[in-house]
Amino acid sequence: MRGSICVFMSIVIILGLPDSSGTEKVGLGDKCNASSDCASGLQTRCLHGFCSCEIGYRSDPDKQSCVPQEIGEACEDSRECYVAPNARRCDRGVCRCAPLYTPSRKNNNTCLKVSNYNEFCEEHDQCVTKNTRCEAPKCVCDEGYRWDSSMCVNSQGTSSPEPMGLTSAASVHKRDTDSSACHLTACC
């Protein structure tokens, strides 16, 4: 396959092609002196003398290219899960959202910061104050509830038997009962 170009699922893999200076590029796991030695288009860099995947990418099973690491995928190191600071980490061999982040239901490769009442949100699951939902761009009280100094209370002004109000980092929990979702501080 020396000197060939392979295209697979929109990932371009260039194997053994010389660059404009005539220097042959090396693949994942091969020895290198600088990141420029590593094959282009692979999201690679030279780390400790070997071509490896950039932060937020992992090698495919054939070690021919680097692919993004999605939430729920296997990992060995938090660098494989990295996309934005503090958003994702490798937890017990699986990429998960970090504390105070929740998985996006729209994009499995994104973790969204949890939000309290009147804070920025993009999706419903970000709103962690009891009886709130996301009405982008912020968390608002659920239908039939209104904000009353520190909590969402029903329109009649009575509260439910459960405590309500702003949620602290230690007690963040989701109302969702889906067992596959993360509940406490978005960690499973």
N, C-alpha and C. Protein backbone atom coordinates (compact mmCIF):
# COMPACT_ATOMS: atom_id res chain seq x y z
N MET A 1 0.82 -1.19 0.00
CA MET A 1 0.00 0.00 0.00
C MET A 1 0.86 1.25 0.00
N ARG A 2 2.13 1.11 -0.13
CA ARG A 2 3.04 2.24 -0.12
C ARG A 2 2.73 3.17 -1.28
N GLY A 3 2.59 4.46 -0.96
CA GLY A 3 2.32 5.45 -1.97
C GLY A 3 0.87 5.46 -2.42
N SER A 4 -0.05 4.98 -1.58
CA SER A 4 -1.45 4.92 -1.97
C SER A 4 -2.29 5.86 -1.11
N ILE A 5 -3.46 6.19 -1.62
CA ILE A 5 -4.41 7.01 -0.87
C ILE A 5 -5.68 6.20 -0.69
N CYS A 6 -6.16 6.10 0.54
CA CYS A 6 -7.37 5.36 0.83
C CYS A 6 -8.41 6.34 1.38
N VAL A 7 -9.65 6.20 0.96
CA VAL A 7 -10.73 7.02 1.50
C VAL A 7 -11.75 6.06 2.10
N PHE A 8 -12.06 6.26 3.41
CA PHE A 8 -13.00 5.41 4.11
C PHE A 8 -13.81 6.27 5.05
N MET A 9 -15.12 6.29 4.86
CA MET A 9 -16.01 7.05 5.73
C MET A 9 -15.53 8.49 5.92
N SER A 10 -15.15 9.16 4.87
CA SER A 10 -14.71 10.55 4.87
C SER A 10 -13.42 10.79 5.63
N ILE A 11 -12.70 9.74 5.97
CA ILE A 11 -11.39 9.89 6.59
C ILE A 11 -10.35 9.56 5.53
N VAL A 12 -9.51 10.52 5.23
CA VAL A 12 -8.48 10.30 4.22
C VAL A 12 -7.25 9.74 4.91
N ILE A 13 -6.76 8.64 4.38
CA ILE A 13 -5.59 7.98 4.92
C ILE A 13 -4.50 8.02 3.86
N ILE A 14 -3.40 8.62 4.19
CA ILE A 14 -2.29 8.71 3.25
C ILE A 14 -1.15 7.86 3.78
N LEU A 15 -0.80 6.85 3.02
CA LEU A 15 0.21 5.91 3.48
C LEU A 15 1.47 5.99 2.64
N GLY A 16 2.56 6.30 3.29
CA GLY A 16 3.86 6.25 2.66
C GLY A 16 4.07 7.22 1.51
N LEU A 17 3.41 8.37 1.53
CA LEU A 17 3.62 9.35 0.47
C LEU A 17 4.63 10.38 0.93
N PRO A 18 5.56 10.75 0.06
CA PRO A 18 6.51 11.80 0.45
C PRO A 18 5.80 13.15 0.44
N ASP A 19 6.25 14.08 1.33
CA ASP A 19 5.69 15.42 1.30
C ASP A 19 6.45 16.25 0.28
N SER A 20 6.19 17.56 0.23
CA SER A 20 6.80 18.42 -0.78
C SER A 20 8.32 18.46 -0.68
N SER A 21 8.87 18.16 0.50
CA SER A 21 10.33 18.14 0.64
C SER A 21 10.91 16.78 0.28
N GLY A 22 10.07 15.84 -0.08
CA GLY A 22 10.54 14.50 -0.45
C GLY A 22 10.66 13.56 0.73
N THR A 23 10.31 14.02 1.94
CA THR A 23 10.38 13.19 3.14
C THR A 23 9.13 12.33 3.25
N GLU A 24 9.32 11.03 3.45
CA GLU A 24 8.17 10.13 3.57
C GLU A 24 7.52 10.29 4.93
N LYS A 25 6.19 10.35 4.94
CA LYS A 25 5.42 10.45 6.18
C LYS A 25 5.30 9.07 6.81
N VAL A 26 5.24 9.04 8.14
CA VAL A 26 5.10 7.77 8.86
C VAL A 26 3.73 7.68 9.51
N GLY A 27 3.27 6.47 9.79
CA GLY A 27 1.94 6.23 10.33
C GLY A 27 1.91 6.12 11.84
N LEU A 28 0.74 5.82 12.37
CA LEU A 28 0.53 5.68 13.81
C LEU A 28 1.45 4.62 14.40
N GLY A 29 2.07 4.95 15.51
CA GLY A 29 2.96 4.02 16.19
C GLY A 29 4.37 4.00 15.65
N ASP A 30 4.60 4.65 14.51
CA ASP A 30 5.94 4.70 13.92
C ASP A 30 6.77 5.79 14.59
N LYS A 31 8.09 5.62 14.56
CA LYS A 31 9.00 6.60 15.15
C LYS A 31 8.97 7.90 14.36
N CYS A 32 9.09 9.01 15.11
CA CYS A 32 9.09 10.34 14.49
C CYS A 32 9.97 11.27 15.32
N ASN A 33 10.38 12.37 14.70
CA ASN A 33 11.15 13.40 15.39
C ASN A 33 10.30 14.65 15.63
N ALA A 34 9.31 14.87 14.77
CA ALA A 34 8.42 16.02 14.87
C ALA A 34 7.06 15.63 14.33
N SER A 35 6.03 16.39 14.71
CA SER A 35 4.68 16.10 14.24
C SER A 35 4.58 16.15 12.72
N SER A 36 5.41 16.95 12.09
CA SER A 36 5.39 17.05 10.63
C SER A 36 5.84 15.74 9.97
N ASP A 37 6.47 14.85 10.73
CA ASP A 37 6.87 13.54 10.19
C ASP A 37 5.67 12.60 10.05
N CYS A 38 4.61 12.86 10.83
CA CYS A 38 3.44 11.98 10.85
C CYS A 38 2.55 12.26 9.65
N ALA A 39 1.92 11.21 9.14
CA ALA A 39 1.06 11.32 7.95
C ALA A 39 -0.02 12.37 8.17
N SER A 40 -0.25 13.19 7.16
CA SER A 40 -1.25 14.25 7.26
C SER A 40 -2.65 13.66 7.11
N GLY A 41 -3.65 14.41 7.57
CA GLY A 41 -5.03 13.97 7.46
C GLY A 41 -5.42 12.94 8.49
N LEU A 42 -4.53 12.61 9.40
CA LEU A 42 -4.82 11.57 10.39
C LEU A 42 -5.05 12.10 11.79
N GLN A 43 -5.02 13.41 11.99
CA GLN A 43 -5.13 13.99 13.32
C GLN A 43 -4.04 13.42 14.22
N THR A 44 -2.83 13.38 13.70
CA THR A 44 -1.71 12.80 14.44
C THR A 44 -0.73 13.87 14.91
N ARG A 45 0.12 13.46 15.86
CA ARG A 45 1.21 14.30 16.33
C ARG A 45 2.32 13.39 16.82
N CYS A 46 3.51 13.93 16.90
CA CYS A 46 4.65 13.17 17.39
C CYS A 46 4.70 13.37 18.90
N LEU A 47 4.54 12.30 19.65
CA LEU A 47 4.54 12.35 21.10
C LEU A 47 5.52 11.33 21.64
N HIS A 48 6.51 11.78 22.36
CA HIS A 48 7.55 10.92 22.93
C HIS A 48 8.22 10.05 21.86
N GLY A 49 8.40 10.64 20.66
CA GLY A 49 9.12 9.95 19.60
C GLY A 49 8.30 9.01 18.74
N PHE A 50 6.97 8.98 18.91
CA PHE A 50 6.12 8.11 18.11
C PHE A 50 4.88 8.87 17.65
N CYS A 51 4.42 8.59 16.44
CA CYS A 51 3.20 9.21 15.93
C CYS A 51 2.01 8.66 16.70
N SER A 52 1.21 9.56 17.26
CA SER A 52 0.02 9.15 18.01
C SER A 52 -1.13 10.09 17.66
N CYS A 53 -2.32 9.74 18.09
CA CYS A 53 -3.50 10.54 17.79
C CYS A 53 -3.51 11.81 18.62
N GLU A 54 -4.06 12.88 18.03
CA GLU A 54 -4.25 14.14 18.72
C GLU A 54 -5.20 13.94 19.90
N ILE A 55 -5.19 14.87 20.84
CA ILE A 55 -6.12 14.84 21.96
C ILE A 55 -7.54 14.87 21.42
N GLY A 56 -8.42 14.00 21.96
CA GLY A 56 -9.80 13.91 21.51
C GLY A 56 -10.01 12.88 20.42
N TYR A 57 -8.92 12.21 20.00
CA TYR A 57 -9.00 11.19 18.96
C TYR A 57 -8.35 9.93 19.47
N ARG A 58 -8.74 8.80 18.90
CA ARG A 58 -8.12 7.51 19.21
C ARG A 58 -7.89 6.79 17.90
N SER A 59 -7.00 5.84 17.91
CA SER A 59 -6.76 5.11 16.67
C SER A 59 -7.89 4.13 16.42
N ASP A 60 -8.18 3.91 15.15
CA ASP A 60 -9.19 2.91 14.82
C ASP A 60 -8.60 1.54 15.12
N PRO A 61 -9.41 0.47 15.11
CA PRO A 61 -8.90 -0.85 15.48
C PRO A 61 -7.72 -1.33 14.62
N ASP A 62 -7.65 -0.87 13.36
CA ASP A 62 -6.56 -1.27 12.48
C ASP A 62 -5.34 -0.37 12.60
N LYS A 63 -5.41 0.65 13.46
CA LYS A 63 -4.33 1.61 13.68
C LYS A 63 -3.90 2.30 12.38
N GLN A 64 -4.90 2.57 11.51
CA GLN A 64 -4.63 3.24 10.25
C GLN A 64 -5.04 4.71 10.26
N SER A 65 -5.93 5.10 11.18
CA SER A 65 -6.38 6.49 11.23
C SER A 65 -6.83 6.83 12.65
N CYS A 66 -7.03 8.12 12.88
CA CYS A 66 -7.52 8.60 14.18
C CYS A 66 -8.96 9.03 14.02
N VAL A 67 -9.81 8.61 14.95
CA VAL A 67 -11.24 8.93 14.91
C VAL A 67 -11.63 9.56 16.24
N PRO A 68 -12.68 10.44 16.23
CA PRO A 68 -13.12 11.05 17.50
C PRO A 68 -13.62 9.97 18.46
N GLN A 69 -13.41 10.18 19.75
CA GLN A 69 -13.88 9.26 20.80
C GLN A 69 -15.21 9.76 21.31
N GLU A 70 -16.30 8.98 21.17
CA GLU A 70 -17.64 9.40 21.58
C GLU A 70 -17.95 8.96 22.99
N ILE A 71 -18.91 9.63 23.61
CA ILE A 71 -19.38 9.28 24.95
C ILE A 71 -19.90 7.85 24.92
N GLY A 72 -19.48 7.07 25.90
CA GLY A 72 -19.90 5.68 25.98
C GLY A 72 -18.92 4.72 25.32
N GLU A 73 -17.95 5.26 24.58
CA GLU A 73 -16.95 4.42 23.91
C GLU A 73 -15.84 4.05 24.90
N ALA A 74 -15.17 2.96 24.63
CA ALA A 74 -14.06 2.51 25.47
C ALA A 74 -12.89 3.49 25.36
N CYS A 75 -12.13 3.63 26.43
CA CYS A 75 -10.96 4.51 26.44
C CYS A 75 -9.96 3.98 27.46
N GLU A 76 -8.74 4.44 27.34
CA GLU A 76 -7.70 4.10 28.30
C GLU A 76 -7.20 5.33 29.04
N ASP A 77 -7.39 6.50 28.43
CA ASP A 77 -6.83 7.74 28.96
C ASP A 77 -7.81 8.88 28.67
N SER A 78 -7.93 9.83 29.57
CA SER A 78 -8.85 10.94 29.38
C SER A 78 -8.54 11.77 28.14
N ARG A 79 -7.29 11.76 27.68
CA ARG A 79 -6.95 12.49 26.46
C ARG A 79 -7.73 11.97 25.26
N GLU A 80 -8.11 10.70 25.27
CA GLU A 80 -8.90 10.13 24.17
C GLU A 80 -10.32 10.70 24.14
N CYS A 81 -10.80 11.18 25.26
CA CYS A 81 -12.17 11.67 25.37
C CYS A 81 -12.25 13.19 25.28
N TYR A 82 -11.13 13.87 25.34
CA TYR A 82 -11.07 15.32 25.42
C TYR A 82 -11.66 16.00 24.19
N VAL A 83 -12.51 16.97 24.40
CA VAL A 83 -13.00 17.84 23.33
C VAL A 83 -12.93 19.28 23.82
N ALA A 84 -13.41 19.54 25.02
CA ALA A 84 -13.36 20.86 25.63
C ALA A 84 -12.94 20.70 27.09
N PRO A 85 -12.29 21.71 27.67
CA PRO A 85 -11.85 21.57 29.06
C PRO A 85 -12.97 21.15 29.99
N ASN A 86 -12.71 20.17 30.84
CA ASN A 86 -13.62 19.68 31.88
C ASN A 86 -14.88 19.00 31.39
N ALA A 87 -15.10 18.89 30.09
CA ALA A 87 -16.36 18.34 29.60
C ALA A 87 -16.41 16.82 29.63
N ARG A 88 -15.35 16.14 29.23
CA ARG A 88 -15.37 14.67 29.19
C ARG A 88 -14.11 14.11 29.80
N ARG A 89 -14.23 12.85 30.26
CA ARG A 89 -13.07 12.17 30.84
C ARG A 89 -13.23 10.67 30.67
N CYS A 90 -12.14 9.96 30.83
CA CYS A 90 -12.17 8.50 30.80
C CYS A 90 -12.42 8.05 32.24
N ASP A 91 -13.55 7.39 32.45
CA ASP A 91 -13.93 6.96 33.79
C ASP A 91 -14.19 5.46 33.76
N ARG A 92 -13.35 4.69 34.42
CA ARG A 92 -13.45 3.23 34.46
C ARG A 92 -13.50 2.63 33.06
N GLY A 93 -12.65 3.16 32.16
CA GLY A 93 -12.52 2.60 30.82
C GLY A 93 -13.57 3.04 29.81
N VAL A 94 -14.39 4.03 30.17
CA VAL A 94 -15.44 4.52 29.27
C VAL A 94 -15.43 6.05 29.25
N CYS A 95 -15.58 6.65 28.06
CA CYS A 95 -15.69 8.11 27.96
C CYS A 95 -17.03 8.53 28.54
N ARG A 96 -16.98 9.44 29.51
CA ARG A 96 -18.19 9.93 30.16
C ARG A 96 -18.09 11.46 30.31
N CYS A 97 -19.23 12.07 30.53
CA CYS A 97 -19.23 13.49 30.84
C CYS A 97 -18.64 13.67 32.24
N ALA A 98 -17.88 14.74 32.41
CA ALA A 98 -17.29 15.07 33.70
C ALA A 98 -18.37 15.59 34.64
N PRO A 99 -18.07 15.66 35.94
CA PRO A 99 -19.04 16.22 36.88
C PRO A 99 -19.49 17.61 36.42
N LEU A 100 -20.75 17.90 36.64
CA LEU A 100 -21.41 19.15 36.27
C LEU A 100 -21.62 19.31 34.77
N TYR A 101 -21.51 18.21 34.03
CA TYR A 101 -21.83 18.17 32.60
C TYR A 101 -22.78 17.02 32.37
N THR A 102 -23.61 17.12 31.34
CA THR A 102 -24.57 16.07 31.01
C THR A 102 -24.46 15.75 29.52
N PRO A 103 -24.66 14.49 29.13
CA PRO A 103 -24.58 14.15 27.70
C PRO A 103 -25.67 14.86 26.91
N SER A 104 -25.31 15.32 25.73
CA SER A 104 -26.29 15.92 24.83
C SER A 104 -27.14 14.80 24.23
N ARG A 105 -28.43 15.01 24.15
CA ARG A 105 -29.30 14.03 23.50
C ARG A 105 -29.27 14.20 21.99
N LYS A 106 -28.80 15.36 21.52
CA LYS A 106 -28.75 15.65 20.09
C LYS A 106 -27.43 15.24 19.44
N ASN A 107 -26.36 15.24 20.22
CA ASN A 107 -25.03 14.94 19.68
C ASN A 107 -24.27 14.10 20.69
N ASN A 108 -24.09 12.81 20.41
CA ASN A 108 -23.47 11.88 21.35
C ASN A 108 -22.00 12.18 21.61
N ASN A 109 -21.45 13.14 20.92
CA ASN A 109 -20.04 13.46 21.11
C ASN A 109 -19.87 14.74 21.93
N THR A 110 -20.95 15.23 22.54
CA THR A 110 -20.91 16.50 23.26
C THR A 110 -21.44 16.36 24.68
N CYS A 111 -20.78 17.05 25.60
CA CYS A 111 -21.27 17.18 26.96
C CYS A 111 -21.63 18.64 27.18
N LEU A 112 -22.76 18.87 27.80
CA LEU A 112 -23.25 20.23 28.04
C LEU A 112 -23.20 20.54 29.53
N LYS A 113 -22.80 21.76 29.88
CA LYS A 113 -22.72 22.17 31.28
C LYS A 113 -24.13 22.22 31.86
N VAL A 114 -24.30 21.67 33.08
CA VAL A 114 -25.61 21.72 33.72
C VAL A 114 -25.92 23.15 34.13
N SER A 115 -27.21 23.48 34.20
CA SER A 115 -27.63 24.85 34.48
C SER A 115 -28.74 24.88 35.52
N ASN A 116 -28.76 25.94 36.31
CA ASN A 116 -29.84 26.20 37.25
C ASN A 116 -30.83 27.16 36.61
N TYR A 117 -31.87 27.50 37.34
CA TYR A 117 -32.89 28.42 36.85
C TYR A 117 -32.25 29.70 36.32
N ASN A 118 -32.71 30.16 35.17
CA ASN A 118 -32.32 31.40 34.51
C ASN A 118 -30.88 31.38 33.96
N GLU A 119 -30.23 30.23 33.95
CA GLU A 119 -28.90 30.12 33.37
C GLU A 119 -29.01 29.59 31.94
N PHE A 120 -27.95 29.78 31.16
CA PHE A 120 -27.91 29.39 29.75
C PHE A 120 -28.13 27.88 29.60
N CYS A 121 -28.92 27.50 28.57
CA CYS A 121 -29.12 26.08 28.24
C CYS A 121 -29.35 25.93 26.75
N GLU A 122 -29.11 24.72 26.27
CA GLU A 122 -29.41 24.35 24.88
C GLU A 122 -30.43 23.22 24.82
N GLU A 123 -30.41 22.36 25.87
CA GLU A 123 -31.28 21.19 25.91
C GLU A 123 -31.91 21.04 27.29
N HIS A 124 -33.07 20.40 27.33
CA HIS A 124 -33.83 20.22 28.57
C HIS A 124 -33.00 19.60 29.71
N ASP A 125 -32.22 18.57 29.40
CA ASP A 125 -31.49 17.85 30.46
C ASP A 125 -30.45 18.70 31.17
N GLN A 126 -30.08 19.83 30.62
CA GLN A 126 -29.13 20.71 31.29
C GLN A 126 -29.74 21.37 32.51
N CYS A 127 -31.04 21.60 32.50
CA CYS A 127 -31.73 22.32 33.58
C CYS A 127 -31.94 21.38 34.76
N VAL A 128 -31.22 21.62 35.85
CA VAL A 128 -31.25 20.70 36.98
C VAL A 128 -32.01 21.23 38.19
N THR A 129 -32.42 22.49 38.16
CA THR A 129 -33.26 23.00 39.24
C THR A 129 -34.61 22.30 39.14
N LYS A 130 -35.14 21.85 40.24
CA LYS A 130 -36.42 21.12 40.25
C LYS A 130 -37.50 21.95 39.55
N ASN A 131 -38.30 21.26 38.73
CA ASN A 131 -39.44 21.86 38.01
C ASN A 131 -39.02 22.91 36.98
N THR A 132 -37.88 22.69 36.32
CA THR A 132 -37.45 23.60 35.25
C THR A 132 -37.27 22.83 33.94
N ARG A 133 -37.25 23.58 32.85
CA ARG A 133 -37.00 23.04 31.52
C ARG A 133 -36.22 24.09 30.74
N CYS A 134 -35.65 23.69 29.62
CA CYS A 134 -34.90 24.62 28.78
C CYS A 134 -35.82 25.24 27.75
N GLU A 135 -35.90 26.53 27.78
CA GLU A 135 -36.50 27.32 26.72
C GLU A 135 -35.37 28.21 26.26
N ALA A 136 -34.58 27.68 25.33
CA ALA A 136 -33.34 28.33 24.91
C ALA A 136 -33.57 29.83 24.73
N PRO A 137 -32.71 30.62 25.29
CA PRO A 137 -31.37 30.28 25.76
C PRO A 137 -31.24 30.09 27.27
N LYS A 138 -32.34 29.90 28.02
CA LYS A 138 -32.16 29.76 29.47
C LYS A 138 -33.18 28.78 30.07
N CYS A 139 -32.86 28.33 31.29
CA CYS A 139 -33.76 27.44 32.03
C CYS A 139 -34.89 28.27 32.63
N VAL A 140 -36.12 27.78 32.48
CA VAL A 140 -37.30 28.47 33.00
C VAL A 140 -38.13 27.47 33.80
N CYS A 141 -39.07 27.97 34.57
CA CYS A 141 -39.95 27.08 35.33
C CYS A 141 -40.84 26.29 34.37
N ASP A 142 -41.14 25.04 34.75
CA ASP A 142 -42.05 24.19 33.97
C ASP A 142 -43.41 24.85 33.84
N GLU A 143 -44.19 24.38 32.87
CA GLU A 143 -45.57 24.84 32.68
C GLU A 143 -46.33 24.63 33.99
N GLY A 144 -47.05 25.67 34.42
CA GLY A 144 -47.83 25.57 35.66
C GLY A 144 -47.02 25.94 36.89
N TYR A 145 -45.76 26.33 36.71
CA TYR A 145 -44.90 26.74 37.83
C TYR A 145 -44.41 28.16 37.58
N ARG A 146 -44.02 28.84 38.66
CA ARG A 146 -43.46 30.19 38.55
C ARG A 146 -42.30 30.31 39.53
N TRP A 147 -41.40 31.25 39.25
CA TRP A 147 -40.24 31.46 40.12
C TRP A 147 -40.67 32.29 41.33
N ASP A 148 -40.28 31.82 42.52
CA ASP A 148 -40.63 32.53 43.75
C ASP A 148 -39.38 32.65 44.61
N SER A 149 -38.57 33.62 44.38
CA SER A 149 -37.33 33.98 45.08
C SER A 149 -36.21 32.93 45.03
N SER A 150 -36.48 31.66 45.28
CA SER A 150 -35.39 30.68 45.24
C SER A 150 -35.81 29.32 44.69
N MET A 151 -37.05 29.24 44.16
CA MET A 151 -37.51 27.96 43.65
C MET A 151 -38.68 28.15 42.70
N CYS A 152 -38.94 27.12 41.91
CA CYS A 152 -40.12 27.11 41.06
C CYS A 152 -41.25 26.47 41.87
N VAL A 153 -42.34 27.21 42.06
CA VAL A 153 -43.49 26.69 42.80
C VAL A 153 -44.66 26.63 41.84
N ASN A 154 -45.63 25.76 42.14
CA ASN A 154 -46.78 25.67 41.23
C ASN A 154 -47.54 26.99 41.28
N SER A 155 -48.33 27.22 40.27
CA SER A 155 -49.01 28.51 40.11
C SER A 155 -49.89 28.88 41.29
N GLN A 156 -50.34 27.91 42.07
CA GLN A 156 -51.16 28.20 43.24
C GLN A 156 -50.30 28.63 44.44
N GLY A 157 -48.98 28.58 44.27
CA GLY A 157 -48.07 29.02 45.33
C GLY A 157 -47.72 27.96 46.33
N THR A 158 -48.17 26.73 46.11
CA THR A 158 -47.81 25.65 47.03
C THR A 158 -46.66 24.85 46.43
N SER A 159 -45.93 24.24 47.29
CA SER A 159 -44.79 23.45 46.81
C SER A 159 -45.11 21.97 46.91
N SER A 160 -44.36 21.17 46.16
CA SER A 160 -44.53 19.72 46.23
C SER A 160 -43.84 19.21 47.47
N PRO A 161 -44.09 17.94 47.88
CA PRO A 161 -43.46 17.40 49.09
C PRO A 161 -41.93 17.32 48.99
N GLU A 162 -41.41 17.28 47.76
CA GLU A 162 -39.96 17.20 47.60
C GLU A 162 -39.35 18.58 47.70
N PRO A 163 -38.11 18.69 48.23
CA PRO A 163 -37.46 20.00 48.30
C PRO A 163 -37.22 20.53 46.89
N MET A 164 -37.34 21.83 46.74
CA MET A 164 -37.12 22.46 45.45
C MET A 164 -36.11 23.58 45.62
N GLY A 165 -35.72 24.15 44.50
CA GLY A 165 -34.84 25.30 44.55
C GLY A 165 -33.59 25.06 43.77
N LEU A 166 -32.64 25.95 43.90
CA LEU A 166 -31.39 25.82 43.16
C LEU A 166 -30.65 24.57 43.61
N THR A 167 -30.03 23.92 42.66
CA THR A 167 -29.36 22.65 42.91
C THR A 167 -27.88 22.87 43.11
N SER A 168 -27.32 22.33 44.18
CA SER A 168 -25.88 22.46 44.41
C SER A 168 -25.14 21.41 43.59
N ALA A 169 -23.85 21.63 43.41
CA ALA A 169 -23.03 20.70 42.63
C ALA A 169 -23.08 19.30 43.22
N ALA A 170 -23.16 19.19 44.53
CA ALA A 170 -23.14 17.88 45.18
C ALA A 170 -24.45 17.13 45.01
N SER A 171 -25.54 17.84 44.69
CA SER A 171 -26.81 17.14 44.62
C SER A 171 -27.46 17.19 43.24
N VAL A 172 -26.66 17.49 42.22
CA VAL A 172 -27.21 17.54 40.87
C VAL A 172 -27.80 16.18 40.53
N HIS A 173 -29.06 16.15 40.12
CA HIS A 173 -29.63 14.89 39.66
C HIS A 173 -30.62 15.17 38.55
N LYS A 174 -30.80 14.19 37.72
CA LYS A 174 -31.67 14.31 36.56
C LYS A 174 -33.05 13.74 36.88
N ARG A 175 -34.09 14.32 36.29
CA ARG A 175 -35.44 13.81 36.48
C ARG A 175 -35.68 12.61 35.59
N ASP A 176 -34.85 12.42 34.61
CA ASP A 176 -34.98 11.34 33.64
C ASP A 176 -34.79 10.00 34.35
N THR A 177 -35.62 9.03 34.06
CA THR A 177 -35.49 7.72 34.69
C THR A 177 -34.87 6.70 33.76
N ASP A 178 -34.38 7.13 32.61
CA ASP A 178 -33.72 6.23 31.66
C ASP A 178 -32.46 5.67 32.31
N SER A 179 -32.39 4.38 32.50
CA SER A 179 -31.27 3.77 33.21
C SER A 179 -29.96 3.89 32.46
N SER A 180 -29.99 4.21 31.17
CA SER A 180 -28.75 4.33 30.42
C SER A 180 -28.16 5.73 30.55
N ALA A 181 -28.92 6.67 31.10
CA ALA A 181 -28.44 8.04 31.22
C ALA A 181 -27.68 8.21 32.53
N CYS A 182 -26.81 9.19 32.59
CA CYS A 182 -26.09 9.51 33.82
C CYS A 182 -27.01 10.35 34.68
N HIS A 183 -27.02 10.10 36.00
CA HIS A 183 -27.91 10.84 36.86
C HIS A 183 -27.17 11.75 37.84
N LEU A 184 -26.35 11.25 38.69
CA LEU A 184 -25.66 12.08 39.67
C LEU A 184 -24.50 12.79 39.02
N THR A 185 -24.50 14.08 39.08
CA THR A 185 -23.49 14.95 38.46
C THR A 185 -23.07 14.49 37.09
N ALA A 186 -23.98 13.90 36.37
CA ALA A 186 -23.77 13.43 35.00
C ALA A 186 -22.67 12.39 34.91
N CYS A 187 -22.40 11.68 36.00
CA CYS A 187 -21.41 10.61 36.00
C CYS A 187 -22.12 9.31 36.31
N CYS A 188 -21.66 8.24 35.69
CA CYS A 188 -22.26 6.94 35.96
C CYS A 188 -21.28 6.04 36.67
